[in-house]
Amino acid sequence: MEAFVTTNGKSLRRIPLRFDPDTAIFVANVPADAVGLYEVEVRGWMKASNNAGVARTAFFVH
């Protein structure tokens, strides 16, 4: 599972997600090191069941 982050429409970064067994959630730190629009796309695939999913969100850093 990984996240793909763009800042202001460029500078694609690939960030691996780790599973937190205490909360049963995948987590990662997304460095917000520049002002602007951050777009995040999370992609996941479960090999055993061939199940896949994609989620997208965006946020502003001022």
C-alpha atoms as a PDB file:
ATOM      1  CA  MET A   1       0.000   0.000   0.000  1.00  0.00           C
ATOM      2  CA  GLU A   2       1.389   3.400  -0.933  1.00  0.00           C
ATOM      3  CA  ALA A   3       0.457   7.035  -1.372  1.00  0.00           C
ATOM      4  CA  PHE A   4       1.374   9.246  -4.309  1.00  0.00           C
ATOM      5  CA  VAL A   5       1.615  12.946  -3.423  1.00  0.00           C
ATOM      6  CA  THR A   6       1.831  15.917  -5.767  1.00  0.00           C
ATOM      7  CA  THR A   7       2.392  19.495  -4.685  1.00  0.00           C
ATOM      8  CA  ASN A   8       0.957  22.268  -6.854  1.00  0.00           C
ATOM      9  CA  GLY A   9       0.454  19.792  -9.698  1.00  0.00           C
ATOM     10  CA  LYS A  10       4.073  18.595  -9.821  1.00  0.00           C
ATOM     11  CA  SER A  11       6.804  16.959  -7.779  1.00  0.00           C
ATOM     12  CA  LEU A  12       5.306  13.461  -7.493  1.00  0.00           C
ATOM     13  CA  ARG A  13       6.441  11.624  -4.371  1.00  0.00           C
ATOM     14  CA  ARG A  14       5.806   7.972  -3.581  1.00  0.00           C
ATOM     15  CA  ILE A  15       5.280   7.343   0.141  1.00  0.00           C
ATOM     16  CA  PRO A  16       4.949   3.803   1.509  1.00  0.00           C
ATOM     17  CA  LEU A  17       2.177   3.215   4.041  1.00  0.00           C
ATOM     18  CA  ARG A  18       2.631   1.019   7.101  1.00  0.00           C
ATOM     19  CA  PHE A  19      -0.047  -0.912   8.930  1.00  0.00           C
ATOM     20  CA  ASP A  20      -0.709   0.077  12.555  1.00  0.00           C
ATOM     21  CA  PRO A  21      -2.104  -3.039  14.248  1.00  0.00           C
ATOM     22  CA  ASP A  22      -3.336  -1.043  17.269  1.00  0.00           C
ATOM     23  CA  THR A  23      -5.748   1.011  15.148  1.00  0.00           C
ATOM     24  CA  ALA A  24      -6.044  -1.327  12.121  1.00  0.00           C
ATOM     25  CA  ILE A  25      -5.252   1.647   9.862  1.00  0.00           C
ATOM     26  CA  PHE A  26      -2.546   2.241   7.274  1.00  0.00           C
ATOM     27  CA  VAL A  27      -0.486   5.332   8.188  1.00  0.00           C
ATOM     28  CA  ALA A  28       2.339   7.516   6.867  1.00  0.00           C
ATOM     29  CA  ASN A  29       3.815  10.938   7.426  1.00  0.00           C
ATOM     30  CA  VAL A  30       3.313  13.303   4.499  1.00  0.00           C
ATOM     31  CA  PRO A  31       5.893  16.086   4.675  1.00  0.00           C
ATOM     32  CA  ALA A  32       4.202  19.431   3.974  1.00  0.00           C
ATOM     33  CA  ASP A  33       7.370  21.361   3.166  1.00  0.00           C
ATOM     34  CA  ALA A  34       5.933  23.888   0.710  1.00  0.00           C
ATOM     35  CA  VAL A  35       2.916  26.182   0.532  1.00  0.00           C
ATOM     36  CA  GLY A  36       0.215  25.090  -1.892  1.00  0.00           C
ATOM     37  CA  LEU A  37      -2.190  22.375  -2.947  1.00  0.00           C
ATOM     38  CA  TYR A  38      -1.317  18.819  -1.978  1.00  0.00           C
ATOM     39  CA  GLU A  39      -3.085  15.995  -3.792  1.00  0.00           C
ATOM     40  CA  VAL A  40      -2.856  12.489  -2.348  1.00  0.00           C
ATOM     41  CA  GLU A  41      -3.773   9.251  -4.084  1.00  0.00           C
ATOM     42  CA  VAL A  42      -3.670   6.027  -2.062  1.00  0.00           C
ATOM     43  CA  ARG A  43      -3.425   2.742  -3.954  1.00  0.00           C
ATOM     44  CA  GLY A  44      -3.807  -0.708  -2.458  1.00  0.00           C
ATOM     45  CA  TRP A  45      -3.864  -4.266  -3.720  1.00  0.00           C
ATOM     46  CA  MET A  46      -4.453  -7.538  -1.883  1.00  0.00           C
ATOM     47  CA  LYS A  47      -2.759 -10.336  -3.810  1.00  0.00           C
ATOM     48  CA  ALA A  48      -4.635 -13.213  -2.132  1.00  0.00           C
ATOM     49  CA  SER A  49      -8.061 -12.020  -3.298  1.00  0.00           C
ATOM     50  CA  ASN A  50      -6.936  -9.844  -6.238  1.00  0.00           C
ATOM     51  CA  ASN A  51      -8.831  -6.979  -4.601  1.00  0.00           C
ATOM     52  CA  ALA A  52      -7.704  -3.420  -5.363  1.00  0.00           C
ATOM     53  CA  GLY A  53      -8.754   0.085  -4.445  1.00  0.00           C
ATOM     54  CA  VAL A  54      -7.883   3.747  -4.971  1.00  0.00           C
ATOM     55  CA  ALA A  55      -8.766   6.783  -2.857  1.00  0.00           C
ATOM     56  CA  ARG A  56      -7.996  10.455  -3.487  1.00  0.00           C
ATOM     57  CA  THR A  57      -8.023  13.585  -1.364  1.00  0.00           C
ATOM     58  CA  ALA A  58      -6.507  17.043  -1.407  1.00  0.00           C
ATOM     59  CA  PHE A  59      -5.572  19.720   1.132  1.00  0.00           C
ATOM     60  CA  PHE A  60      -4.040  23.194   1.216  1.00  0.00           C
ATOM     61  CA  VAL A  61      -0.965  24.243   3.180  1.00  0.00           C
ATOM     62  CA  HIS A  62      -0.807  27.976   3.917  1.00  0.00           C
END
